[in-house]
Amino acid sequence: MTTPRLNRRTFTSGLAASALGLSALPARAAWPDKPIRIVVTFPAGGASDIVARLMADQLARKLNSPVVVDNRPGAGGSVGGQAVHQASPDGYTLMLSNSTPISIGPFALDKQPYDPVEGFSHIAMLGSAPCVLMATPSAPIRTIADLESVARKSGRLDFGSGGPASIGHIYGELMRKTMGVNLVHVPYRGGAPMTTDLISGVIPVGIDVLTAYVPYFRSGQLIPLAVTSAARSPLVPDVPSVQEFGYGKLVLDNFFGLSGPPGLPADLVAKLNSACNEVLAQPEVKRKMLELGVTTSPGTSVAFSRYVRDQVALLAPTVKAAGTRL
């Protein structure tokens, strides 16, 4: 039996039929075609929640799609972090990432729930806010150099934070390791009770994110020693940075970014990054972020991923060495 020859007409007809068959397949829906969810790893009302809602409102306009905020606090940010880490990489589940669920929380658990660097697609840096070192007026401490001197001479200096594994706690541990002095952590259930004890002189020093403390500095109830960023904060331009005192190894910001599940397609990362940068360029957004103590930081997804990697490398060993468990 001979095999029939495939002539030009048969071959062309076959190609046409294949093309018709392919065109009949359903096309992939354009993204986004349903609401996008931004998971916040803190309760409603805090700085991360406010930043997320500001970005959600603006991104909804840029992407022509609803963007909703989903608060998922718990376990040092790891509850919300794990929800995003395990989500489908389709661009509909994102996270307002910052230092707590990325650089601190995962390393304060008995079992690390995800790799904070490779376990996410880090999309865009939104901004950063420094911590502030502050003292009660009754303590003989007016600068970070005074803090080190008092701790070294007395053999011990207590410092308060908003709680175990908070960024204030971990920053104090970083100071202890870097300076080689005995700084002893006094944990509180949030910044408010720490502030009360700091003002009354129960503890000499406190460390927390800058934003909430500006009114206390203006009233003279608390003394700002230094901000932890490389440069001064526009919120408190008269307060020097740790860099100015020569403590370059203590430069640290609490960052705010947008991240997604691992494996997010490159085109979605690029589209989200571009939309975020456009939002951050708006003067009104810059103003509102600054009111929170956040300096906007538009840039590429590659630069943001590098930033995350560097901060994790700095803080993860400190968290582990502190022995804090959530």
C-alpha atoms as a PDB file:
ATOM      1  CA  MET A   1       0.000   0.000   0.000  1.00  0.00           C
ATOM      2  CA  THR A   2       1.427   3.323  -1.033  1.00  0.00           C
ATOM      3  CA  THR A   3       1.297   6.404   1.172  1.00  0.00           C
ATOM      4  CA  PRO A   4      -0.570   9.258  -0.535  1.00  0.00           C
ATOM      5  CA  ARG A   5       1.577  12.232  -1.390  1.00  0.00           C
ATOM      6  CA  LEU A   6       0.934  15.435   0.540  1.00  0.00           C
ATOM      7  CA  ASN A   7       0.386  18.054  -2.145  1.00  0.00           C
ATOM      8  CA  ARG A   8       0.457  21.814  -1.691  1.00  0.00           C
ATOM      9  CA  ARG A   9      -3.344  22.110  -1.602  1.00  0.00           C
ATOM     10  CA  THR A  10      -3.700  19.455   1.127  1.00  0.00           C
ATOM     11  CA  PHE A  11      -0.926  21.052   3.214  1.00  0.00           C
ATOM     12  CA  THR A  12      -2.472  24.542   2.875  1.00  0.00           C
ATOM     13  CA  SER A  13      -5.911  23.230   3.773  1.00  0.00           C
ATOM     14  CA  GLY A  14      -4.478  21.581   6.868  1.00  0.00           C
ATOM     15  CA  LEU A  15      -2.840  24.780   8.024  1.00  0.00           C
ATOM     16  CA  ALA A  16      -6.065  26.692   7.535  1.00  0.00           C
ATOM     17  CA  ALA A  17      -8.011  24.144   9.537  1.00  0.00           C
ATOM     18  CA  SER A  18      -5.441  24.309  12.356  1.00  0.00           C
ATOM     19  CA  ALA A  19      -5.641  28.083  12.428  1.00  0.00           C
ATOM     20  CA  LEU A  20      -9.435  27.938  12.644  1.00  0.00           C
ATOM     21  CA  GLY A  21      -9.158  25.442  15.475  1.00  0.00           C
ATOM     22  CA  LEU A  22      -6.721  27.629  17.418  1.00  0.00           C
ATOM     23  CA  SER A  23      -8.855  30.729  16.942  1.00  0.00           C
ATOM     24  CA  ALA A  24     -11.798  28.841  18.397  1.00  0.00           C
ATOM     25  CA  LEU A  25      -9.934  28.345  21.715  1.00  0.00           C
ATOM     26  CA  PRO A  26     -10.902  30.782  24.482  1.00  0.00           C
ATOM     27  CA  ALA A  27      -8.478  33.702  24.760  1.00  0.00           C
ATOM     28  CA  ARG A  28      -6.753  34.387  28.069  1.00  0.00           C
ATOM     29  CA  ALA A  29      -8.663  37.082  29.921  1.00  0.00           C
ATOM     30  CA  ALA A  30      -6.989  40.468  30.094  1.00  0.00           C
ATOM     31  CA  TRP A  31      -5.619  41.305  33.535  1.00  0.00           C
ATOM     32  CA  PRO A  32      -7.210  42.576  35.680  1.00  0.00           C
ATOM     33  CA  ASP A  33     -10.768  41.403  35.133  1.00  0.00           C
ATOM     34  CA  LYS A  34     -11.746  41.038  38.809  1.00  0.00           C
ATOM     35  CA  PRO A  35     -10.890  42.780  42.114  1.00  0.00           C
ATOM     36  CA  ILE A  36      -7.278  42.795  43.309  1.00  0.00           C
ATOM     37  CA  ARG A  37      -6.649  42.119  47.005  1.00  0.00           C
ATOM     38  CA  ILE A  38      -3.844  43.727  49.024  1.00  0.00           C
ATOM     39  CA  VAL A  39      -3.176  41.788  52.231  1.00  0.00           C
ATOM     40  CA  VAL A  40      -2.023  43.918  55.185  1.00  0.00           C
ATOM     41  CA  THR A  41      -0.268  41.983  57.946  1.00  0.00           C
ATOM     42  CA  PHE A  42      -1.424  44.403  60.684  1.00  0.00           C
ATOM     43  CA  PRO A  43      -4.828  45.432  62.080  1.00  0.00           C
ATOM     44  CA  ALA A  44      -6.715  48.328  60.517  1.00  0.00           C
ATOM     45  CA  GLY A  45      -5.675  51.841  61.481  1.00  0.00           C
ATOM     46  CA  GLY A  46      -1.877  51.559  61.596  1.00  0.00           C
ATOM     47  CA  ALA A  47       0.654  53.045  59.195  1.00  0.00           C
ATOM     48  CA  SER A  48       0.791  49.932  56.969  1.00  0.00           C
ATOM     49  CA  ASP A  49      -3.005  49.860  56.718  1.00  0.00           C
ATOM     50  CA  ILE A  50      -3.164  53.573  55.829  1.00  0.00           C
ATOM     51  CA  VAL A  51      -0.451  53.211  53.179  1.00  0.00           C
ATOM     52  CA  ALA A  52      -2.233  50.170  51.717  1.00  0.00           C
ATOM     53  CA  ARG A  53      -5.571  51.970  51.502  1.00  0.00           C
ATOM     54  CA  LEU A  54      -3.989  55.030  49.904  1.00  0.00           C
ATOM     55  CA  MET A  55      -2.283  52.842  47.295  1.00  0.00           C
ATOM     56  CA  ALA A  56      -5.412  50.724  46.770  1.00  0.00           C
ATOM     57  CA  ASP A  57      -7.490  53.793  45.972  1.00  0.00           C
ATOM     58  CA  GLN A  58      -4.942  55.143  43.491  1.00  0.00           C
ATOM     59  CA  LEU A  59      -4.104  51.779  41.877  1.00  0.00           C
ATOM     60  CA  ALA A  60      -7.808  51.114  41.300  1.00  0.00           C
ATOM     61  CA  ARG A  61      -7.889  54.213  39.112  1.00  0.00           C
ATOM     62  CA  LYS A  62      -4.669  53.346  37.295  1.00  0.00           C
ATOM     63  CA  LEU A  63      -5.636  49.715  36.629  1.00  0.00           C
ATOM     64  CA  ASN A  64      -9.365  50.375  36.106  1.00  0.00           C
ATOM     65  CA  SER A  65     -10.239  47.633  38.561  1.00  0.00           C
ATOM     66  CA  PRO A  66     -11.375  47.468  42.206  1.00  0.00           C
ATOM     67  CA  VAL A  67      -8.510  47.066  44.694  1.00  0.00           C
ATOM     68  CA  VAL A  68      -9.497  46.000  48.210  1.00  0.00           C
ATOM     69  CA  VAL A  69      -7.536  45.788  51.474  1.00  0.00           C
ATOM     70  CA  ASP A  70      -7.613  42.575  53.511  1.00  0.00           C
ATOM     71  CA  ASN A  71      -6.201  42.839  57.075  1.00  0.00           C
ATOM     72  CA  ARG A  72      -4.611  39.572  58.216  1.00  0.00           C
ATOM     73  CA  PRO A  73      -2.572  40.237  61.389  1.00  0.00           C
ATOM     74  CA  GLY A  74      -0.855  37.657  63.571  1.00  0.00           C
ATOM     75  CA  ALA A  75       2.428  35.854  64.273  1.00  0.00           C
ATOM     76  CA  GLY A  76       4.622  38.839  63.570  1.00  0.00           C
ATOM     77  CA  GLY A  77       3.050  39.398  60.162  1.00  0.00           C
ATOM     78  CA  SER A  78       3.543  35.780  59.139  1.00  0.00           C
ATOM     79  CA  VAL A  79      -0.192  34.932  58.999  1.00  0.00           C
ATOM     80  CA  GLY A  80      -0.780  37.404  56.183  1.00  0.00           C
ATOM     81  CA  GLY A  81       2.626  36.685  54.690  1.00  0.00           C
ATOM     82  CA  GLN A  82       1.899  32.978  54.402  1.00  0.00           C
ATOM     83  CA  ALA A  83      -1.503  33.652  52.823  1.00  0.00           C
ATOM     84  CA  VAL A  84       0.173  35.612  50.029  1.00  0.00           C
ATOM     85  CA  HIS A  85       3.112  33.211  49.733  1.00  0.00           C
ATOM     86  CA  GLN A  86       0.657  30.354  49.075  1.00  0.00           C
ATOM     87  CA  ALA A  87      -1.671  32.310  46.763  1.00  0.00           C
ATOM     88  CA  SER A  88      -1.965  31.723  43.040  1.00  0.00           C
ATOM     89  CA  PRO A  89       0.535  33.879  41.066  1.00  0.00           C
ATOM     90  CA  ASP A  90      -2.194  35.494  38.978  1.00  0.00           C
ATOM     91  CA  GLY A  91      -1.828  39.084  40.148  1.00  0.00           C
ATOM     92  CA  TYR A  92      -5.016  39.147  42.208  1.00  0.00           C
ATOM     93  CA  THR A  93      -3.437  38.600  45.646  1.00  0.00           C
ATOM     94  CA  LEU A  94      -0.713  41.019  46.748  1.00  0.00           C
ATOM     95  CA  MET A  95       0.814  42.111  50.061  1.00  0.00           C
ATOM     96  CA  LEU A  96       1.717  45.420  51.638  1.00  0.00           C
ATOM     97  CA  SER A  97       5.147  44.146  52.618  1.00  0.00           C
ATOM     98  CA  ASN A  98       7.405  45.706  55.222  1.00  0.00           C
ATOM     99  CA  SER A  99      10.135  44.825  57.666  1.00  0.00           C
ATOM    100  CA  THR A 100       7.886  42.887  60.068  1.00  0.00           C
ATOM    101  CA  PRO A 101       6.537  40.083  57.811  1.00  0.00           C
ATOM    102  CA  ILE A 102       9.705  40.031  55.691  1.00  0.00           C
ATOM    103  CA  SER A 103      12.793  40.625  57.831  1.00  0.00           C
ATOM    104  CA  ILE A 104      11.648  39.919  61.392  1.00  0.00           C
ATOM    105  CA  GLY A 105       8.523  37.776  61.887  1.00  0.00           C
ATOM    106  CA  PRO A 106       9.552  34.662  59.926  1.00  0.00           C
ATOM    107  CA  PHE A 107      12.737  34.321  61.989  1.00  0.00           C
ATOM    108  CA  ALA A 108      10.971  34.659  65.344  1.00  0.00           C
ATOM    109  CA  LEU A 109       8.871  31.523  64.828  1.00  0.00           C
ATOM    110  CA  ASP A 110       9.861  27.983  65.767  1.00  0.00           C
ATOM    111  CA  LYS A 111       9.342  26.938  62.141  1.00  0.00           C
ATOM    112  CA  GLN A 112      10.043  29.503  59.443  1.00  0.00           C
ATOM    113  CA  PRO A 113       6.872  29.610  57.285  1.00  0.00           C
ATOM    114  CA  TYR A 114       8.415  30.940  54.074  1.00  0.00           C
ATOM    115  CA  ASP A 115      11.588  32.294  52.517  1.00  0.00           C
ATOM    116  CA  PRO A 116      11.031  36.082  52.643  1.00  0.00           C
ATOM    117  CA  VAL A 117      13.359  36.704  49.704  1.00  0.00           C
ATOM    118  CA  GLU A 118      12.610  33.886  47.239  1.00  0.00           C
ATOM    119  CA  GLY A 119       9.119  33.162  48.586  1.00  0.00           C
ATOM    120  CA  PHE A 120       7.631  36.320  47.050  1.00  0.00           C
ATOM    121  CA  SER A 121       7.719  38.363  43.879  1.00  0.00           C
ATOM    122  CA  HIS A 122       8.874  41.752  45.178  1.00  0.00           C
ATOM    123  CA  ILE A 123       7.179  44.263  42.904  1.00  0.00           C
ATOM    124  CA  ALA A 124       7.744  47.841  44.046  1.00  0.00           C
ATOM    125  CA  MET A 125       9.268  49.849  46.855  1.00  0.00           C
ATOM    126  CA  LEU A 126       6.703  52.367  48.066  1.00  0.00           C
ATOM    127  CA  GLY A 127       8.620  54.197  50.770  1.00  0.00           C
ATOM    128  CA  SER A 128      10.399  53.991  54.089  1.00  0.00           C
ATOM    129  CA  ALA A 129      10.132  55.391  57.593  1.00  0.00           C
ATOM    130  CA  PRO A 130      12.947  55.443  60.132  1.00  0.00           C
ATOM    131  CA  CYS A 131      12.757  54.421  63.738  1.00  0.00           C
ATOM    132  CA  VAL A 132      13.642  56.990  66.354  1.00  0.00           C
ATOM    133  CA  LEU A 133      15.755  56.599  69.481  1.00  0.00           C
ATOM    134  CA  MET A 134      14.268  58.693  72.291  1.00  0.00           C
ATOM    135  CA  ALA A 135      14.853  59.327  75.964  1.00  0.00           C
ATOM    136  CA  THR A 136      12.905  60.501  78.963  1.00  0.00           C
ATOM    137  CA  PRO A 137      13.867  64.115  79.866  1.00  0.00           C
ATOM    138  CA  SER A 138      15.031  63.008  83.310  1.00  0.00           C
ATOM    139  CA  ALA A 139      17.761  60.763  81.897  1.00  0.00           C
ATOM    140  CA  PRO A 140      21.219  62.250  81.183  1.00  0.00           C
ATOM    141  CA  ILE A 141      20.929  61.240  77.533  1.00  0.00           C
ATOM    142  CA  ARG A 142      20.603  63.721  74.680  1.00  0.00           C
ATOM    143  CA  THR A 143      22.319  61.929  71.772  1.00  0.00           C
ATOM    144  CA  ILE A 144      22.971  58.363  70.656  1.00  0.00           C
ATOM    145  CA  ALA A 145      26.591  58.881  71.734  1.00  0.00           C
ATOM    146  CA  ASP A 146      25.307  59.680  75.245  1.00  0.00           C
ATOM    147  CA  LEU A 147      23.238  56.499  75.141  1.00  0.00           C
ATOM    148  CA  GLU A 148      26.302  54.377  74.392  1.00  0.00           C
ATOM    149  CA  SER A 149      28.363  56.178  77.035  1.00  0.00           C
ATOM    150  CA  VAL A 150      25.756  55.724  79.797  1.00  0.00           C
ATOM    151  CA  ALA A 151      25.235  52.051  78.896  1.00  0.00           C
ATOM    152  CA  ARG A 152      28.985  51.428  78.922  1.00  0.00           C
ATOM    153  CA  LYS A 153      29.619  53.203  82.236  1.00  0.00           C
ATOM    154  CA  SER A 154      26.634  51.777  84.110  1.00  0.00           C
ATOM    155  CA  GLY A 155      26.959  48.259  82.698  1.00  0.00           C
ATOM    156  CA  ARG A 156      23.262  48.169  81.775  1.00  0.00           C
ATOM    157  CA  LEU A 157      20.675  50.362  80.082  1.00  0.00           C
ATOM    158  CA  ASP A 158      17.009  49.402  79.666  1.00  0.00           C
ATOM    159  CA  PHE A 159      15.125  50.265  76.495  1.00  0.00           C
ATOM    160  CA  GLY A 160      11.436  49.888  75.709  1.00  0.00           C
ATOM    161  CA  SER A 161       9.686  48.818  72.516  1.00  0.00           C
ATOM    162  CA  GLY A 162       6.155  48.098  71.343  1.00  0.00           C
ATOM    163  CA  GLY A 163       6.609  44.381  71.952  1.00  0.00           C
ATOM    164  CA  PRO A 164       8.728  41.287  71.406  1.00  0.00           C
ATOM    165  CA  ALA A 165      10.039  41.023  67.817  1.00  0.00           C
ATOM    166  CA  SER A 166       8.832  44.548  67.011  1.00  0.00           C
ATOM    167  CA  ILE A 167      11.186  46.572  64.859  1.00  0.00           C
ATOM    168  CA  GLY A 168      12.063  48.661  67.945  1.00  0.00           C
ATOM    169  CA  HIS A 169      13.060  45.529  69.841  1.00  0.00           C
ATOM    170  CA  ILE A 170      15.175  44.161  66.996  1.00  0.00           C
ATOM    171  CA  TYR A 171      16.828  47.523  66.435  1.00  0.00           C
ATOM    172  CA  GLY A 172      17.821  47.613  70.103  1.00  0.00           C
ATOM    173  CA  GLU A 173      19.340  44.145  69.735  1.00  0.00           C
ATOM    174  CA  LEU A 174      21.236  45.358  66.674  1.00  0.00           C
ATOM    175  CA  MET A 175      22.569  48.282  68.726  1.00  0.00           C
ATOM    176  CA  ARG A 176      23.616  45.962  71.546  1.00  0.00           C
ATOM    177  CA  LYS A 177      25.525  43.755  69.118  1.00  0.00           C
ATOM    178  CA  THR A 178      27.090  46.651  67.198  1.00  0.00           C
ATOM    179  CA  MET A 179      28.064  48.788  70.198  1.00  0.00           C
ATOM    180  CA  GLY A 180      29.006  45.918  72.470  1.00  0.00           C
ATOM    181  CA  VAL A 181      27.027  47.297  75.436  1.00  0.00           C
ATOM    182  CA  ASN A 182      24.405  45.725  77.685  1.00  0.00           C
ATOM    183  CA  LEU A 183      21.077  47.047  76.398  1.00  0.00           C
ATOM    184  CA  VAL A 184      18.194  45.192  78.061  1.00  0.00           C
ATOM    185  CA  HIS A 185      14.832  44.955  76.316  1.00  0.00           C
ATOM    186  CA  VAL A 186      11.643  45.927  78.180  1.00  0.00           C
ATOM    187  CA  PRO A 187       8.687  44.788  76.031  1.00  0.00           C
ATOM    188  CA  TYR A 188       5.302  46.538  76.076  1.00  0.00           C
ATOM    189  CA  ARG A 189       1.941  45.712  74.547  1.00  0.00           C
ATOM    190  CA  GLY A 190       2.179  48.444  71.947  1.00  0.00           C
ATOM    191  CA  GLY A 191       3.684  51.889  71.631  1.00  0.00           C
ATOM    192  CA  ALA A 192       1.115  53.700  73.806  1.00  0.00           C
ATOM    193  CA  PRO A 193       1.965  52.042  77.151  1.00  0.00           C
ATOM    194  CA  MET A 194       5.666  52.336  76.370  1.00  0.00           C
ATOM    195  CA  THR A 195       5.202  56.066  75.763  1.00  0.00           C
ATOM    196  CA  THR A 196       3.476  56.502  79.142  1.00  0.00           C
ATOM    197  CA  ASP A 197       6.348  54.833  81.002  1.00  0.00           C
ATOM    198  CA  LEU A 198       8.960  56.674  78.962  1.00  0.00           C
ATOM    199  CA  ILE A 199       7.452  60.080  79.706  1.00  0.00           C
ATOM    200  CA  SER A 200       7.198  59.294  83.425  1.00  0.00           C
ATOM    201  CA  GLY A 201      10.784  58.025  83.584  1.00  0.00           C
ATOM    202  CA  VAL A 202      10.018  54.358  84.354  1.00  0.00           C
ATOM    203  CA  ILE A 203      12.335  53.469  81.462  1.00  0.00           C
ATOM    204  CA  PRO A 204      15.123  55.739  80.211  1.00  0.00           C
ATOM    205  CA  VAL A 205      15.067  54.963  76.472  1.00  0.00           C
ATOM    206  CA  GLY A 206      12.518  53.883  73.864  1.00  0.00           C
ATOM    207  CA  ILE A 207      12.788  52.785  70.226  1.00  0.00           C
ATOM    208  CA  ASP A 208       9.917  52.776  67.737  1.00  0.00           C
ATOM    209  CA  VAL A 209       8.882  53.937  64.259  1.00  0.00           C
ATOM    210  CA  LEU A 210       9.089  57.735  64.202  1.00  0.00           C
ATOM    211  CA  THR A 211       5.580  58.745  63.109  1.00  0.00           C
ATOM    212  CA  ALA A 212       3.597  58.657  66.371  1.00  0.00           C
ATOM    213  CA  TYR A 213       6.180  60.476  68.484  1.00  0.00           C
ATOM    214  CA  VAL A 214       6.587  63.828  66.740  1.00  0.00           C
ATOM    215  CA  PRO A 215       3.998  65.598  69.001  1.00  0.00           C
ATOM    216  CA  TYR A 216       5.878  64.433  72.127  1.00  0.00           C
ATOM    217  CA  PHE A 217       9.121  65.875  70.791  1.00  0.00           C
ATOM    218  CA  ARG A 218       7.467  69.208  70.027  1.00  0.00           C
ATOM    219  CA  SER A 219       5.972  69.393  73.521  1.00  0.00           C
ATOM    220  CA  GLY A 220       9.271  68.483  75.190  1.00  0.00           C
ATOM    221  CA  GLN A 221       7.790  65.382  76.859  1.00  0.00           C
ATOM    222  CA  LEU A 222      10.347  63.177  75.099  1.00  0.00           C
ATOM    223  CA  ILE A 223      13.858  63.827  73.801  1.00  0.00           C
ATOM    224  CA  PRO A 224      14.675  62.540  70.283  1.00  0.00           C
ATOM    225  CA  LEU A 225      18.247  61.248  70.119  1.00  0.00           C
ATOM    226  CA  ALA A 226      18.548  60.194  66.474  1.00  0.00           C
ATOM    227  CA  VAL A 227      16.592  58.786  63.563  1.00  0.00           C
ATOM    228  CA  THR A 228      17.795  55.471  62.169  1.00  0.00           C
ATOM    229  CA  SER A 229      17.896  56.480  58.509  1.00  0.00           C
ATOM    230  CA  ALA A 230      20.994  57.540  56.577  1.00  0.00           C
ATOM    231  CA  ALA A 231      19.658  61.096  56.287  1.00  0.00           C
ATOM    232  CA  ARG A 232      17.453  63.254  58.486  1.00  0.00           C
ATOM    233  CA  SER A 233      13.681  62.867  58.297  1.00  0.00           C
ATOM    234  CA  PRO A 234      11.639  65.767  56.879  1.00  0.00           C
ATOM    235  CA  LEU A 235       9.240  65.215  59.794  1.00  0.00           C
ATOM    236  CA  VAL A 236      11.934  66.152  62.334  1.00  0.00           C
ATOM    237  CA  PRO A 237      14.647  67.995  60.383  1.00  0.00           C
ATOM    238  CA  ASP A 238      16.426  69.099  63.561  1.00  0.00           C
ATOM    239  CA  VAL A 239      17.018  65.509  64.728  1.00  0.00           C
ATOM    240  CA  PRO A 240      20.316  64.035  63.455  1.00  0.00           C
ATOM    241  CA  SER A 241      20.593  60.624  61.836  1.00  0.00           C
ATOM    242  CA  VAL A 242      22.650  57.758  63.233  1.00  0.00           C
ATOM    243  CA  GLN A 243      24.850  58.158  60.161  1.00  0.00           C
ATOM    244  CA  GLU A 244      25.846  61.655  61.307  1.00  0.00           C
ATOM    245  CA  PHE A 245      27.131  60.217  64.584  1.00  0.00           C
ATOM    246  CA  GLY A 246      29.253  57.687  62.697  1.00  0.00           C
ATOM    247  CA  TYR A 247      26.998  54.677  63.333  1.00  0.00           C
ATOM    248  CA  GLY A 248      26.753  53.601  59.709  1.00  0.00           C
ATOM    249  CA  LYS A 249      26.120  49.968  60.672  1.00  0.00           C
ATOM    250  CA  LEU A 250      22.962  51.062  62.488  1.00  0.00           C
ATOM    251  CA  VAL A 251      21.246  52.627  59.473  1.00  0.00           C
ATOM    252  CA  LEU A 252      17.857  50.925  59.134  1.00  0.00           C
ATOM    253  CA  ASP A 253      14.456  51.911  57.757  1.00  0.00           C
ATOM    254  CA  ASN A 254      11.098  50.249  58.140  1.00  0.00           C
ATOM    255  CA  PHE A 255      10.129  49.855  54.487  1.00  0.00           C
ATOM    256  CA  PHE A 256       6.752  49.695  52.771  1.00  0.00           C
ATOM    257  CA  GLY A 257       6.470  47.804  49.500  1.00  0.00           C
ATOM    258  CA  LEU A 258       4.181  45.783  47.274  1.00  0.00           C
ATOM    259  CA  SER A 259       4.915  42.070  46.907  1.00  0.00           C
ATOM    260  CA  GLY A 260       3.106  39.085  45.440  1.00  0.00           C
ATOM    261  CA  PRO A 261       3.319  35.302  45.415  1.00  0.00           C
ATOM    262  CA  PRO A 262       6.406  33.657  43.935  1.00  0.00           C
ATOM    263  CA  GLY A 263       6.313  33.134  40.193  1.00  0.00           C
ATOM    264  CA  LEU A 264       4.260  36.211  39.358  1.00  0.00           C
ATOM    265  CA  PRO A 265       4.571  36.699  35.561  1.00  0.00           C
ATOM    266  CA  ALA A 266       7.105  39.320  34.525  1.00  0.00           C
ATOM    267  CA  ASP A 267       4.546  41.325  32.547  1.00  0.00           C
ATOM    268  CA  LEU A 268       2.299  41.674  35.610  1.00  0.00           C
ATOM    269  CA  VAL A 269       5.254  42.668  37.788  1.00  0.00           C
ATOM    270  CA  ALA A 270       6.210  45.328  35.232  1.00  0.00           C
ATOM    271  CA  LYS A 271       2.641  46.625  34.955  1.00  0.00           C
ATOM    272  CA  LEU A 272       2.186  46.840  38.732  1.00  0.00           C
ATOM    273  CA  ASN A 273       5.607  48.421  39.235  1.00  0.00           C
ATOM    274  CA  SER A 274       4.854  51.096  36.623  1.00  0.00           C
ATOM    275  CA  ALA A 275       1.446  51.826  38.175  1.00  0.00           C
ATOM    276  CA  CYS A 276       2.967  52.153  41.655  1.00  0.00           C
ATOM    277  CA  ASN A 277       5.663  54.537  40.425  1.00  0.00           C
ATOM    278  CA  GLU A 278       3.056  56.698  38.702  1.00  0.00           C
ATOM    279  CA  VAL A 279       1.027  56.862  41.914  1.00  0.00           C
ATOM    280  CA  LEU A 280       4.080  57.739  44.020  1.00  0.00           C
ATOM    281  CA  ALA A 281       4.941  60.601  41.649  1.00  0.00           C
ATOM    282  CA  GLN A 282       1.695  62.414  42.493  1.00  0.00           C
ATOM    283  CA  PRO A 283       2.303  65.412  44.824  1.00  0.00           C
ATOM    284  CA  GLU A 284      -0.803  64.671  46.894  1.00  0.00           C
ATOM    285  CA  VAL A 285       0.301  61.085  47.495  1.00  0.00           C
ATOM    286  CA  LYS A 286       3.770  62.268  48.492  1.00  0.00           C
ATOM    287  CA  ARG A 287       2.207  64.713  50.947  1.00  0.00           C
ATOM    288  CA  LYS A 288      -0.048  62.117  52.542  1.00  0.00           C
ATOM    289  CA  MET A 289       2.797  59.634  52.846  1.00  0.00           C
ATOM    290  CA  LEU A 290       5.028  62.252  54.466  1.00  0.00           C
ATOM    291  CA  GLU A 291       2.313  62.951  57.038  1.00  0.00           C
ATOM    292  CA  LEU A 292       2.805  59.306  58.071  1.00  0.00           C
ATOM    293  CA  GLY A 293       6.558  59.809  58.238  1.00  0.00           C
ATOM    294  CA  VAL A 294       7.036  57.819  55.036  1.00  0.00           C
ATOM    295  CA  THR A 295       9.413  59.073  52.355  1.00  0.00           C
ATOM    296  CA  THR A 296       8.330  57.744  48.957  1.00  0.00           C
ATOM    297  CA  SER A 297      10.870  55.648  47.057  1.00  0.00           C
ATOM    298  CA  PRO A 298       9.845  54.767  43.480  1.00  0.00           C
ATOM    299  CA  GLY A 299      12.154  52.404  41.591  1.00  0.00           C
ATOM    300  CA  THR A 300      12.466  49.109  39.766  1.00  0.00           C
ATOM    301  CA  SER A 301      11.371  45.698  40.983  1.00  0.00           C
ATOM    302  CA  VAL A 302      14.997  44.544  40.706  1.00  0.00           C
ATOM    303  CA  ALA A 303      16.154  47.325  43.040  1.00  0.00           C
ATOM    304  CA  PHE A 304      13.375  46.515  45.517  1.00  0.00           C
ATOM    305  CA  SER A 305      14.265  42.810  45.509  1.00  0.00           C
ATOM    306  CA  ARG A 306      17.884  43.731  46.229  1.00  0.00           C
ATOM    307  CA  TYR A 307      16.781  45.994  49.097  1.00  0.00           C
ATOM    308  CA  VAL A 308      14.743  43.173  50.634  1.00  0.00           C
ATOM    309  CA  ARG A 309      17.631  40.735  50.316  1.00  0.00           C
ATOM    310  CA  ASP A 310      20.034  43.162  52.032  1.00  0.00           C
ATOM    311  CA  GLN A 311      17.678  43.919  54.934  1.00  0.00           C
ATOM    312  CA  VAL A 312      16.942  40.237  55.552  1.00  0.00           C
ATOM    313  CA  ALA A 313      20.684  39.535  55.586  1.00  0.00           C
ATOM    314  CA  LEU A 314      21.120  42.271  58.218  1.00  0.00           C
ATOM    315  CA  LEU A 315      18.182  41.486  60.510  1.00  0.00           C
ATOM    316  CA  ALA A 316      17.647  37.712  60.341  1.00  0.00           C
ATOM    317  CA  PRO A 317      20.792  36.850  62.359  1.00  0.00           C
ATOM    318  CA  THR A 318      19.889  39.535  64.926  1.00  0.00           C
ATOM    319  CA  VAL A 319      16.354  38.160  65.359  1.00  0.00           C
ATOM    320  CA  LYS A 320      17.658  34.615  65.768  1.00  0.00           C
ATOM    321  CA  ALA A 321      20.369  35.680  68.226  1.00  0.00           C
ATOM    322  CA  ALA A 322      17.796  37.588  70.332  1.00  0.00           C
ATOM    323  CA  GLY A 323      15.972  34.293  70.923  1.00  0.00           C
ATOM    324  CA  THR A 324      12.544  35.932  70.670  1.00  0.00           C
ATOM    325  CA  ARG A 325       9.673  33.576  69.876  1.00  0.00           C
ATOM    326  CA  LEU A 326       6.202  34.587  68.730  1.00  0.00           C
END
